[in-house]
N, C-alpha and C. Protein backbone atom coordinates (compact mmCIF):
# COMPACT_ATOMS: atom_id res chain seq x y z
N UNK A 1 150.53 118.62 29.59
CA UNK A 1 151.75 118.52 30.36
C UNK A 1 151.71 119.59 31.44
N UNK A 2 152.06 119.22 32.62
CA UNK A 2 152.03 120.17 33.72
C UNK A 2 153.30 120.10 34.53
N UNK A 3 153.30 120.71 35.69
CA UNK A 3 154.49 120.71 36.51
C UNK A 3 154.77 119.34 37.11
N UNK A 4 156.03 119.11 37.41
CA UNK A 4 156.45 117.89 38.07
C UNK A 4 155.90 117.90 39.50
N UNK A 5 155.79 116.74 40.11
CA UNK A 5 155.28 116.65 41.48
C UNK A 5 156.39 116.73 42.52
N UNK A 6 157.63 117.06 42.10
CA UNK A 6 158.80 117.11 42.98
C UNK A 6 158.58 118.00 44.19
N UNK A 7 159.48 118.17 45.09
CA UNK A 7 160.76 117.48 45.06
C UNK A 7 160.64 116.04 45.55
N UNK A 8 161.58 115.23 45.11
CA UNK A 8 161.60 113.84 45.55
C UNK A 8 162.99 113.51 46.09
N UNK A 9 163.23 112.25 46.40
CA UNK A 9 164.48 111.83 47.01
C UNK A 9 165.71 112.06 46.15
N UNK A 10 165.53 112.22 44.85
CA UNK A 10 166.69 112.40 43.96
C UNK A 10 167.26 113.81 44.05
N UNK A 11 166.54 114.72 44.67
CA UNK A 11 167.00 116.10 44.78
C UNK A 11 166.57 116.97 43.62
N UNK A 12 165.76 116.43 42.71
CA UNK A 12 165.26 117.21 41.58
C UNK A 12 163.99 117.91 42.02
N UNK A 13 163.97 119.23 41.92
CA UNK A 13 162.84 120.01 42.39
C UNK A 13 161.75 120.19 41.35
N UNK A 14 160.71 120.88 41.75
CA UNK A 14 159.56 121.14 40.89
C UNK A 14 159.94 122.11 39.78
N UNK A 15 159.39 121.88 38.58
CA UNK A 15 159.72 122.73 37.43
C UNK A 15 158.50 122.85 36.53
N UNK A 16 158.10 124.08 36.22
CA UNK A 16 156.98 124.31 35.32
C UNK A 16 157.45 124.21 33.87
N UNK A 17 156.57 123.74 33.00
CA UNK A 17 156.90 123.59 31.59
C UNK A 17 156.32 124.78 30.84
N UNK A 18 157.15 125.59 30.16
CA UNK A 18 156.65 126.77 29.47
C UNK A 18 155.86 126.42 28.21
N UNK A 19 155.08 127.38 27.73
CA UNK A 19 154.29 127.18 26.52
C UNK A 19 155.07 127.53 25.25
N UNK A 20 156.15 128.29 25.37
CA UNK A 20 156.93 128.68 24.21
C UNK A 20 157.59 127.47 23.57
N UNK A 21 157.90 127.55 22.26
CA UNK A 21 158.62 126.46 21.61
C UNK A 21 159.96 126.22 22.30
N UNK A 22 160.37 124.97 22.38
CA UNK A 22 161.61 124.62 23.05
C UNK A 22 162.44 123.71 22.17
N UNK A 23 163.70 123.59 22.51
CA UNK A 23 164.60 122.63 21.88
C UNK A 23 164.83 121.50 22.87
N UNK A 24 165.18 120.35 22.35
CA UNK A 24 165.48 119.20 23.21
C UNK A 24 166.99 119.14 23.39
N UNK A 25 167.43 119.06 24.64
CA UNK A 25 168.84 118.92 24.95
C UNK A 25 169.01 117.58 25.65
N UNK A 26 169.86 116.73 25.12
CA UNK A 26 170.15 115.45 25.75
C UNK A 26 171.48 115.57 26.48
N UNK A 27 171.43 115.65 27.79
CA UNK A 27 172.64 115.75 28.60
C UNK A 27 173.08 114.34 28.94
N UNK A 28 174.14 113.89 28.30
CA UNK A 28 174.61 112.53 28.49
C UNK A 28 175.84 112.49 29.39
N UNK A 29 175.99 113.51 30.21
CA UNK A 29 177.11 113.56 31.14
C UNK A 29 176.94 112.55 32.26
N UNK A 30 178.05 112.21 32.91
CA UNK A 30 177.99 111.29 34.05
C UNK A 30 178.35 112.07 35.31
N UNK A 31 177.76 111.68 36.41
CA UNK A 31 177.96 112.39 37.66
C UNK A 31 177.92 111.40 38.82
N UNK A 32 178.78 111.56 39.80
CA UNK A 32 178.75 110.69 40.98
C UNK A 32 177.61 111.04 41.94
N UNK A 33 176.85 112.10 41.65
CA UNK A 33 175.76 112.49 42.55
C UNK A 33 174.56 111.57 42.45
N UNK A 34 174.38 110.86 41.34
CA UNK A 34 173.22 109.98 41.18
C UNK A 34 173.57 108.54 41.56
N UNK A 35 174.73 108.10 41.18
CA UNK A 35 175.17 106.73 41.46
C UNK A 35 176.69 106.76 41.59
N UNK A 36 177.22 105.96 42.49
CA UNK A 36 178.67 105.90 42.64
C UNK A 36 179.30 105.38 41.36
N UNK A 37 180.33 106.08 40.88
CA UNK A 37 181.02 105.70 39.65
C UNK A 37 182.46 105.37 39.98
N UNK A 38 182.91 104.21 39.53
CA UNK A 38 184.31 103.83 39.70
C UNK A 38 185.07 104.31 38.48
N UNK A 39 185.57 105.55 38.53
CA UNK A 39 186.23 106.16 37.38
C UNK A 39 187.48 105.39 36.96
N UNK A 40 188.08 104.64 37.87
CA UNK A 40 189.30 103.89 37.52
C UNK A 40 189.01 102.75 36.54
N UNK A 41 187.76 102.30 36.45
CA UNK A 41 187.43 101.21 35.54
C UNK A 41 186.84 101.69 34.22
N UNK A 42 186.60 103.00 34.09
CA UNK A 42 186.05 103.53 32.85
C UNK A 42 187.14 103.68 31.80
N UNK A 43 186.78 103.46 30.56
CA UNK A 43 187.72 103.58 29.45
C UNK A 43 187.36 104.83 28.65
N UNK A 44 188.30 105.76 28.55
CA UNK A 44 188.09 106.99 27.79
C UNK A 44 189.06 107.05 26.63
N UNK A 45 188.74 107.64 25.49
CA UNK A 45 187.45 108.25 25.21
C UNK A 45 186.38 107.20 25.02
N UNK A 46 185.16 107.56 25.29
CA UNK A 46 184.02 106.65 25.17
C UNK A 46 183.01 107.26 24.21
N UNK A 47 182.05 106.46 23.81
CA UNK A 47 181.03 106.92 22.88
C UNK A 47 179.67 106.46 23.37
N UNK A 48 178.69 107.37 23.35
CA UNK A 48 177.32 107.01 23.70
C UNK A 48 176.43 107.43 22.54
N UNK A 49 175.66 106.50 22.03
CA UNK A 49 174.81 106.76 20.88
C UNK A 49 173.35 106.79 21.31
N UNK A 50 172.57 107.69 20.73
CA UNK A 50 171.13 107.77 20.99
C UNK A 50 170.42 107.24 19.76
N UNK A 51 169.63 106.19 19.94
CA UNK A 51 168.92 105.57 18.82
C UNK A 51 167.74 106.42 18.38
N UNK A 52 166.92 106.86 19.34
CA UNK A 52 165.79 107.73 19.02
C UNK A 52 165.33 108.44 20.28
N UNK A 53 164.58 109.50 20.10
CA UNK A 53 163.97 110.25 21.19
C UNK A 53 162.48 110.34 20.89
N UNK A 54 161.66 109.98 21.83
CA UNK A 54 160.21 110.03 21.63
C UNK A 54 159.66 111.28 22.29
N UNK A 55 158.87 112.03 21.54
CA UNK A 55 158.28 113.28 22.03
C UNK A 55 156.77 113.14 21.98
N UNK A 56 156.10 113.53 23.05
CA UNK A 56 154.64 113.45 23.13
C UNK A 56 154.05 114.85 23.03
N UNK A 57 152.80 114.92 22.61
CA UNK A 57 152.06 116.18 22.60
C UNK A 57 150.62 115.90 23.02
N UNK A 58 149.95 116.95 23.45
CA UNK A 58 148.56 116.80 23.86
C UNK A 58 147.70 116.36 22.69
N UNK A 59 146.71 115.55 22.97
CA UNK A 59 145.78 115.11 21.94
C UNK A 59 145.04 116.31 21.36
N UNK A 60 145.03 116.43 20.04
CA UNK A 60 144.36 117.54 19.38
C UNK A 60 145.19 118.81 19.26
N UNK A 61 146.34 118.87 19.91
CA UNK A 61 147.21 120.05 19.84
C UNK A 61 148.31 119.78 18.83
N UNK A 62 147.97 119.89 17.55
CA UNK A 62 148.93 119.55 16.50
C UNK A 62 149.54 120.83 15.95
N UNK A 63 150.85 120.94 16.01
CA UNK A 63 151.57 122.07 15.44
C UNK A 63 152.94 121.59 15.01
N UNK A 64 153.08 121.30 13.74
CA UNK A 64 154.37 120.86 13.23
C UNK A 64 155.10 122.10 12.73
N UNK A 65 156.17 122.44 13.38
CA UNK A 65 156.93 123.62 13.01
C UNK A 65 157.42 124.34 14.25
N UNK A 66 158.10 125.45 14.05
CA UNK A 66 158.66 126.17 15.19
C UNK A 66 158.14 127.60 15.26
N UNK A 67 156.99 127.88 14.66
CA UNK A 67 156.44 129.22 14.70
C UNK A 67 154.93 129.18 14.98
N UNK A 68 154.54 128.79 16.20
CA UNK A 68 153.11 128.76 16.51
C UNK A 68 152.53 130.17 16.50
N UNK A 69 151.22 130.28 16.25
CA UNK A 69 150.59 131.60 16.11
C UNK A 69 150.71 132.45 17.38
N UNK A 70 150.72 131.82 18.56
CA UNK A 70 150.83 132.58 19.80
C UNK A 70 152.26 133.05 20.09
N UNK A 71 153.25 132.39 19.52
CA UNK A 71 154.66 132.72 19.74
C UNK A 71 155.40 132.68 18.41
N UNK A 72 155.12 133.62 17.49
CA UNK A 72 155.78 133.59 16.18
C UNK A 72 157.28 133.86 16.29
N UNK A 73 158.02 133.26 15.38
CA UNK A 73 159.47 133.47 15.37
C UNK A 73 159.88 134.31 14.19
């Protein structure tokens, strides 16, 4: 995994991926900056469910856990 090739038309810039262990954050917020939202037609409170999240790793780089030898916790 390496850096993104940004920036692109969406306004998301380039970002390096660190080697330290990370947590996954799913930001399910809505914003009018990506697509126009007609807030008058939305029904609140609302619910959004995540069925699954798929995570990839480099081939041969197997480390199940949160305390790798290079970055012990």
